[in-house]
Amino acid sequence: MPYGYLGEQPNQKAINTGVFSFADAADLQSTGNWGGSLELIEEQTISSNVTSVDFDLPAEYDVHALEIRGLETDGGGSVLVGLRVSTDGGSSFISTSDYQNSQEVFASAGSSSLVNGQSDNQINLGYVNDTEQNNTIAYIYDANKSGKYTWVSMMSMKQGLDMGIGGGIYDAVAAVNAIQVRGATFDTGIIRLYGVKQLWVH
């Protein structure tokens, strides 16, 4: 079935250049072939105290999505949940000052503050503690590309209606093939890694 045209399909070399109808889009989305579809790569459930959760980043995706749901620590005050990267398949994770951050944090009381840094040891993904869960969605761009930086954009919400919006970068041109979620000892939560399907190609 040809996609991408309304009416008669023209005779040309370029494939799928045209206007997708609603029926085209619905059909391609139902089979997971529509660009932007999320494909679950791995899910990890935290049921006991762990200090980090690691994921491999499959190279076939230009964009990965990280979903954090109901993350809590086993005690203590608010801490930043962080993301570190690996260039050796997860054998080690880079902990030096090679990360940059910029995140605006908004409190339900109406105040806001900027959390930023140019020489950090992780990319920040929001706050969490032992009584207020963290829920975050973060997108990771251009990992596994040796000629590009790895970028992260995120939006985070903590119970108590503290919200963070921002992003970060691993400040080195290198192929990143694994990530680690860290920052505290976690005792509950679900973390999922997705691949974002590229635009459909015939």
Foldseek 3Di string as FASTA:
>chain_A
DAFQEDPDDDDDDDGNDHHGDPVNQVVCVVVVQAFQDWAFDDKDWFAAWDFKDKDWADPVFQKKKKKWFFWEFPADDKWWKFKFFDQPRPPDTQQWQQKWWWKWKAAPVGDIDIDIDNRGRGYTFDIHYHPKGKIKMKMWGRAQQQQDKIKIWMWMAIPNGIIMGIIMTRNDRGHTTMMMIGIHTINTIMMTMIGGGHHHDD
